[in-house]
Amino acid sequence: MSSQEKAAMMPAASGKTADKVFRVIAYACGILILVVLAAVFLFLLFRAWPLIGGDQTANSQTISDFTGGKASSFWGYVGPLLFGTVLVSALALLISFFVSLGIALFISHYAPKQLATALSYVVDLLAAIPSVIYGLWGGLILVPAIYPFWNWVATYLGWIPLFAGPAASPSRTVATVAVVLSVMILPIITSLSRDIFLQAPRLQQEAALALGATKWEMIKLAVLPFGKSGVVSASMLGLGRALGETMAVLMILSPGLTYSFKLLQASQNQTIAANIAAQYPEANDLGVSVLIGTGLVLFLITFVVNYVARKITEKKVA
């Protein structure tokens, strides 16, 4: 074989080697995330095992101490916490979803270029603010400022069970926490939705306009259908953030252990994450197992949420 033929074969051999190395690294990364996920699940299961397979009398006493005698079984304890977690997170998503969609469409299709760039920076900055800052803002500024509005809602819309009064003062309620969480997840949904809308096929948009469609009709026909699956994924990502939020909820919400839809009254609900943070410093070993057991429930709930989101996304794509 001549030197020229050897030189021609060297790049091909080098490319095959690089391809093999890249494939190994990609497989390793994929396996690593599964290993980490399994490790987290096994840790939660192992630390919660005294609750599952231990002395149930001692478990009941520990749970009774946590709740002041309101509950003595694990499911009687975690049930209201799970209800509160889902309620607060769902309200936050409901508040933020349409606002996020509007901001994303404004940035991608309506705002002048310079304004759109500035708004994009602001949205990305909001996503980077620590949750404790949102908690301080909610507890010190929003709680006293929003009471007159909640009082008006309770006065004129109190016939609706959700808004039954009297409105709590200070407003350390589910409604106030939902507003704070909606502000926290709004930049996540907005940022992802904006990027998706910007990727909508330009030819389809121009074709809709050429056929006489208004800008809104063009967005309805060419942009929103293209971005449906991405918007759902962004919303579920925001919902996951709300489900696991701890500090902001802990700093604002007056906790309760009931199945209550009274959004304007205090001491009605509590979330799993905030409850763990509140109870952990004073918990004994068995108490820590109980709290980790509630964390395991939250861990499984996030899996269910992601599974549902994946199915919805697949259906939208199909």
Protein backbone atom coordinates (compact mmCIF):
# COMPACT_ATOMS: atom_id res chain seq x y z
CA MET A 1 0.00 0.00 0.00
CA SER A 2 1.40 3.37 -1.01
CA SER A 3 1.92 6.27 1.36
CA GLN A 4 -0.82 8.23 -0.44
CA GLU A 5 -3.38 5.46 0.16
CA LYS A 6 -2.39 5.25 3.84
CA ALA A 7 -2.78 9.00 4.18
CA ALA A 8 -6.25 8.82 2.58
CA MET A 9 -7.36 6.09 5.01
CA MET A 10 -6.21 7.90 8.17
CA PRO A 11 -9.08 10.47 8.31
CA ALA A 12 -11.67 7.69 7.85
CA ALA A 13 -10.14 5.62 10.67
CA SER A 14 -9.94 8.68 12.88
CA GLY A 15 -13.60 9.47 12.20
CA LYS A 16 -14.69 5.93 13.14
CA THR A 17 -12.72 6.15 16.40
CA ALA A 18 -14.28 9.51 17.27
CA ASP A 19 -17.74 8.09 16.50
CA LYS A 20 -17.16 5.14 18.84
CA VAL A 21 -15.89 7.42 21.62
CA PHE A 22 -18.85 9.75 21.24
CA ARG A 23 -21.29 6.82 21.26
CA VAL A 24 -19.75 5.45 24.47
CA ILE A 25 -19.93 8.88 26.14
CA ALA A 26 -23.56 9.32 25.06
CA TYR A 27 -24.51 5.88 26.40
CA ALA A 28 -22.66 6.60 29.65
CA CYS A 29 -24.54 9.88 30.13
CA GLY A 30 -27.88 8.20 29.47
CA ILE A 31 -27.12 5.40 31.91
CA LEU A 32 -25.78 7.87 34.50
CA ILE A 33 -29.05 9.77 34.74
CA LEU A 34 -30.92 6.49 35.25
CA VAL A 35 -28.44 5.47 37.95
CA VAL A 36 -28.84 8.81 39.73
CA LEU A 37 -32.63 8.55 39.54
CA ALA A 38 -32.55 5.00 40.90
CA ALA A 39 -30.14 6.08 43.66
CA VAL A 40 -32.48 8.85 44.78
CA PHE A 41 -35.45 6.48 44.81
CA LEU A 42 -33.52 3.82 46.76
CA PHE A 43 -32.32 6.41 49.26
CA LEU A 44 -35.87 7.62 49.89
CA LEU A 45 -37.16 4.05 50.15
CA PHE A 46 -34.36 2.98 52.50
CA ARG A 47 -34.76 5.99 54.81
CA ALA A 48 -38.55 5.63 54.82
CA TRP A 49 -38.42 1.89 55.54
CA PRO A 50 -38.90 2.28 59.35
CA LEU A 51 -42.22 3.91 58.45
CA ILE A 52 -43.18 1.12 56.05
CA GLY A 53 -41.97 -1.96 57.92
CA GLY A 54 -41.31 -0.70 61.44
CA ASP A 55 -43.34 -0.45 64.64
CA GLN A 56 -46.66 0.97 63.53
CA THR A 57 -47.61 2.00 67.07
CA ALA A 58 -44.51 4.18 67.31
CA ASN A 59 -45.22 5.53 63.82
CA SER A 60 -48.75 6.48 64.82
CA GLN A 61 -47.47 8.26 67.91
CA THR A 62 -44.91 10.19 65.87
CA ILE A 63 -47.51 11.25 63.32
CA SER A 64 -49.88 12.24 66.11
CA ASP A 65 -47.14 14.41 67.62
CA PHE A 66 -46.55 16.06 64.24
CA THR A 67 -50.22 16.89 63.74
CA GLY A 68 -51.28 17.66 67.28
CA GLY A 69 -53.55 14.61 67.33
CA LYS A 70 -55.33 15.45 64.06
CA ALA A 71 -53.99 12.33 62.33
CA SER A 72 -52.45 9.07 63.51
CA SER A 73 -51.97 7.12 60.26
CA PHE A 74 -49.50 7.90 57.49
CA TRP A 75 -52.14 8.32 54.79
CA GLY A 76 -54.24 10.44 57.13
CA TYR A 77 -51.14 12.62 57.47
CA VAL A 78 -49.85 12.72 53.90
CA GLY A 79 -53.30 12.92 52.27
CA PRO A 80 -54.05 16.56 53.22
CA LEU A 81 -50.43 17.50 52.46
CA LEU A 82 -50.70 15.97 49.00
CA PHE A 83 -54.03 17.71 48.47
CA GLY A 84 -52.52 21.06 49.47
CA THR A 85 -49.50 20.52 47.23
CA VAL A 86 -51.61 19.76 44.17
CA LEU A 87 -54.08 22.58 44.92
CA VAL A 88 -51.43 25.29 45.28
CA SER A 89 -49.47 24.09 42.24
CA ALA A 90 -52.55 23.77 40.01
CA LEU A 91 -53.70 27.29 40.95
CA ALA A 92 -50.23 28.67 40.23
CA LEU A 93 -50.22 26.99 36.81
CA LEU A 94 -53.73 28.25 36.05
CA ILE A 95 -52.73 31.83 36.87
CA SER A 96 -49.43 31.81 35.02
CA PHE A 97 -50.27 29.76 31.90
CA PHE A 98 -52.24 32.31 29.88
CA VAL A 99 -50.06 35.23 31.00
CA SER A 100 -46.95 33.29 29.97
CA LEU A 101 -48.50 32.44 26.62
CA GLY A 102 -49.36 36.08 26.00
CA ILE A 103 -45.87 37.30 26.91
CA ALA A 104 -44.25 34.64 24.72
CA LEU A 105 -46.40 35.59 21.71
CA PHE A 106 -45.76 39.28 22.28
CA ILE A 107 -41.99 38.75 22.35
CA SER A 108 -41.97 36.44 19.32
CA HIS A 109 -44.49 38.14 17.02
CA TYR A 110 -45.55 41.59 18.18
CA ALA A 111 -42.78 43.44 20.01
CA PRO A 112 -40.17 45.49 18.13
CA LYS A 113 -36.81 43.76 17.98
CA GLN A 114 -35.09 45.89 20.63
CA LEU A 115 -38.02 45.62 23.04
CA ALA A 116 -38.27 41.87 22.43
CA THR A 117 -34.57 41.47 23.23
CA ALA A 118 -34.92 43.47 26.45
CA LEU A 119 -38.00 41.52 27.53
CA SER A 120 -36.23 38.24 26.83
CA TYR A 121 -33.39 39.28 29.13
CA VAL A 122 -35.87 40.25 31.85
CA VAL A 123 -37.74 36.94 31.58
CA ASP A 124 -34.50 34.96 31.76
CA LEU A 125 -33.41 37.03 34.77
CA LEU A 126 -36.66 36.30 36.61
CA ALA A 127 -36.05 32.58 36.13
CA ALA A 128 -32.69 32.92 37.91
CA ILE A 129 -33.98 34.66 41.07
CA PRO A 130 -33.70 32.36 44.14
CA SER A 131 -36.96 31.20 45.68
CA VAL A 132 -36.08 32.75 49.05
CA ILE A 133 -36.18 36.20 47.38
CA TYR A 134 -39.67 35.47 46.09
CA GLY A 135 -40.58 34.33 49.59
CA LEU A 136 -39.34 37.57 51.14
CA TRP A 137 -41.18 39.62 48.53
CA GLY A 138 -44.36 37.62 49.07
CA GLY A 139 -44.22 37.71 52.86
CA LEU A 140 -43.17 41.35 53.34
CA ILE A 141 -44.76 43.11 50.35
CA LEU A 142 -47.49 41.05 48.73
CA VAL A 143 -49.21 39.67 51.85
CA PRO A 144 -50.20 43.11 53.27
CA ALA A 145 -50.70 44.69 49.83
CA ILE A 146 -53.07 42.07 48.43
CA TYR A 147 -55.44 41.89 51.43
CA PRO A 148 -57.83 44.63 50.15
CA PHE A 149 -58.25 42.75 46.88
CA TRP A 150 -58.87 39.40 48.58
CA ASN A 151 -61.34 41.14 50.93
CA TRP A 152 -63.19 42.55 47.90
CA VAL A 153 -63.28 39.09 46.31
CA ALA A 154 -64.63 37.54 49.52
CA THR A 155 -67.26 40.28 49.84
CA TYR A 156 -68.64 40.14 46.30
CA LEU A 157 -67.75 36.60 45.20
CA GLY A 158 -68.02 34.86 48.55
CA TRP A 159 -71.06 32.94 47.32
CA ILE A 160 -68.57 30.85 45.33
CA PRO A 161 -67.15 28.19 47.72
CA LEU A 162 -63.57 28.84 46.55
CA PHE A 163 -63.80 32.48 47.66
CA ALA A 164 -65.78 32.00 50.85
CA GLY A 165 -64.87 34.59 53.47
CA PRO A 166 -63.91 36.15 55.66
CA ALA A 167 -60.59 36.85 53.95
CA ALA A 168 -57.70 36.26 56.31
CA SER A 169 -55.65 39.24 57.47
CA PRO A 170 -52.72 38.96 57.02
CA SER A 171 -53.33 37.09 53.77
CA ARG A 172 -51.10 34.08 54.41
CA THR A 173 -53.41 31.91 52.37
CA VAL A 174 -53.37 29.45 49.49
CA ALA A 175 -54.46 32.20 47.09
CA THR A 176 -51.50 34.42 47.98
CA VAL A 177 -49.02 31.55 47.75
CA ALA A 178 -50.47 30.58 44.36
CA VAL A 179 -49.85 34.13 43.10
CA VAL A 180 -46.21 34.01 44.26
CA LEU A 181 -45.66 30.57 42.72
CA SER A 182 -47.25 31.71 39.48
CA VAL A 183 -44.70 34.54 39.30
CA MET A 184 -41.94 32.00 39.95
CA ILE A 185 -42.95 29.59 37.19
CA LEU A 186 -44.04 32.27 34.71
CA PRO A 187 -40.51 32.87 33.31
CA ILE A 188 -39.98 29.12 32.83
CA ILE A 189 -43.11 28.69 30.74
CA THR A 190 -42.58 31.99 28.94
CA SER A 191 -38.97 31.32 28.00
CA LEU A 192 -39.61 27.85 26.58
CA SER A 193 -42.80 28.89 24.79
CA ARG A 194 -41.06 31.91 23.26
CA ASP A 195 -38.26 29.75 21.85
CA ILE A 196 -40.80 27.32 20.41
CA PHE A 197 -42.91 30.04 18.78
CA LEU A 198 -39.79 31.52 17.20
CA GLN A 199 -39.16 28.14 15.53
CA ALA A 200 -42.58 28.05 13.86
CA PRO A 201 -42.16 27.53 10.06
CA ARG A 202 -41.81 30.92 8.39
CA LEU A 203 -43.27 29.68 5.10
CA GLN A 204 -46.51 28.62 6.76
CA GLN A 205 -46.85 31.99 8.49
CA GLU A 206 -46.22 33.87 5.24
CA ALA A 207 -48.66 31.61 3.38
CA ALA A 208 -51.41 32.33 5.92
CA LEU A 209 -50.82 36.08 5.62
CA ALA A 210 -50.75 35.83 1.83
CA LEU A 211 -54.17 34.16 1.86
CA GLY A 212 -55.61 37.13 3.72
CA ALA A 213 -55.34 35.99 7.32
CA THR A 214 -54.90 38.61 10.02
CA LYS A 215 -51.90 38.34 12.33
CA TRP A 216 -53.99 36.67 15.05
CA GLU A 217 -55.46 34.24 12.53
CA MET A 218 -51.95 33.46 11.29
CA ILE A 219 -50.82 32.75 14.86
CA LYS A 220 -53.89 30.59 15.46
CA LEU A 221 -53.39 28.60 12.25
CA ALA A 222 -49.59 28.35 11.93
CA VAL A 223 -47.89 29.12 15.26
CA LEU A 224 -50.04 27.68 18.06
CA PRO A 225 -50.56 24.25 16.41
CA PHE A 226 -46.81 23.99 15.82
CA GLY A 227 -46.02 24.84 19.44
CA LYS A 228 -48.73 22.84 21.24
CA SER A 229 -46.54 19.99 22.41
CA GLY A 230 -43.76 22.34 23.49
CA VAL A 231 -46.14 24.56 25.44
CA VAL A 232 -47.52 21.51 27.26
CA SER A 233 -43.98 20.40 28.12
CA ALA A 234 -43.11 23.90 29.34
CA SER A 235 -46.25 23.97 31.49
CA MET A 236 -45.45 20.62 33.05
CA LEU A 237 -41.92 21.80 33.78
CA GLY A 238 -43.37 24.83 35.55
CA LEU A 239 -45.81 22.61 37.41
CA GLY A 240 -42.92 20.44 38.57
CA ARG A 241 -41.19 23.55 39.93
CA ALA A 242 -44.34 24.53 41.81
CA LEU A 243 -44.86 21.02 43.24
CA GLY A 244 -41.40 21.00 44.78
CA GLU A 245 -41.19 24.62 45.94
CA THR A 246 -40.27 24.90 49.61
CA MET A 247 -38.93 28.22 50.88
CA ALA A 248 -41.50 30.57 49.33
CA VAL A 249 -44.40 28.45 50.61
CA LEU A 250 -42.81 28.06 54.05
CA MET A 251 -42.28 31.82 54.40
CA ILE A 252 -45.81 32.83 53.33
CA LEU A 253 -48.42 30.14 54.00
CA SER A 254 -50.14 29.72 57.35
CA PRO A 255 -50.27 25.90 57.48
CA GLY A 256 -53.24 23.64 58.04
CA LEU A 257 -54.04 19.97 57.65
CA THR A 258 -57.45 19.84 56.00
CA TYR A 259 -59.06 19.03 52.66
CA SER A 260 -60.22 22.59 52.07
CA PHE A 261 -60.90 24.61 48.93
CA LYS A 262 -61.21 27.89 50.87
CA LEU A 263 -58.50 29.84 49.13
CA LEU A 264 -58.88 33.08 51.11
CA GLN A 265 -58.78 31.63 54.62
CA ALA A 266 -55.63 30.90 56.60
CA SER A 267 -54.57 27.61 58.22
CA GLN A 268 -56.34 25.45 55.66
CA ASN A 269 -53.63 23.67 53.67
CA GLN A 270 -49.93 22.83 53.62
CA THR A 271 -47.58 21.41 51.00
CA ILE A 272 -45.34 18.37 51.37
CA ALA A 273 -42.07 20.19 50.69
CA ALA A 274 -42.82 23.07 53.09
CA ASN A 275 -43.97 20.63 55.77
CA ILE A 276 -40.71 18.68 55.53
CA ALA A 277 -38.70 21.88 55.94
CA ALA A 278 -40.83 23.01 58.89
CA GLN A 279 -40.82 19.70 60.80
CA TYR A 280 -37.32 18.41 60.04
CA PRO A 281 -35.30 20.45 62.60
CA GLU A 282 -37.24 19.03 65.56
CA ALA A 283 -37.86 15.50 64.25
CA ASN A 284 -36.28 12.40 65.83
CA ASP A 285 -35.04 9.46 63.76
CA LEU A 286 -38.51 7.99 63.31
CA GLY A 287 -39.91 11.44 62.58
CA VAL A 288 -37.31 11.90 59.84
CA SER A 289 -38.42 8.57 58.34
CA VAL A 290 -42.01 9.80 58.31
CA LEU A 291 -41.00 13.04 56.60
CA ILE A 292 -38.89 11.18 54.04
CA GLY A 293 -41.89 8.94 53.43
CA THR A 294 -43.91 12.02 52.49
CA GLY A 295 -41.01 13.05 50.25
CA LEU A 296 -41.19 9.66 48.55
CA VAL A 297 -44.87 10.29 47.82
CA LEU A 298 -43.98 13.67 46.27
CA PHE A 299 -41.23 11.98 44.25
CA LEU A 300 -43.75 9.52 42.82
CA ILE A 301 -46.26 12.29 42.11
CA THR A 302 -43.70 14.12 39.99
CA PHE A 303 -43.23 10.91 38.00
CA VAL A 304 -46.97 10.71 37.40
CA VAL A 305 -47.05 14.35 36.28
CA ASN A 306 -44.18 13.81 33.86
CA TYR A 307 -45.76 10.61 32.52
CA VAL A 308 -49.07 12.39 31.88
CA ALA A 309 -47.23 15.27 30.22
CA ARG A 310 -45.35 12.85 27.98
CA LYS A 311 -48.59 11.16 26.90
CA ILE A 312 -50.23 14.51 26.19
CA THR A 313 -47.21 15.63 24.19
CA GLU A 314 -47.18 12.42 22.15
CA LYS A 315 -50.87 12.83 21.40
CA LYS A 316 -50.36 16.44 20.31
CA VAL A 317 -47.50 15.43 18.03
CA ALA A 318 -49.54 12.59 16.55
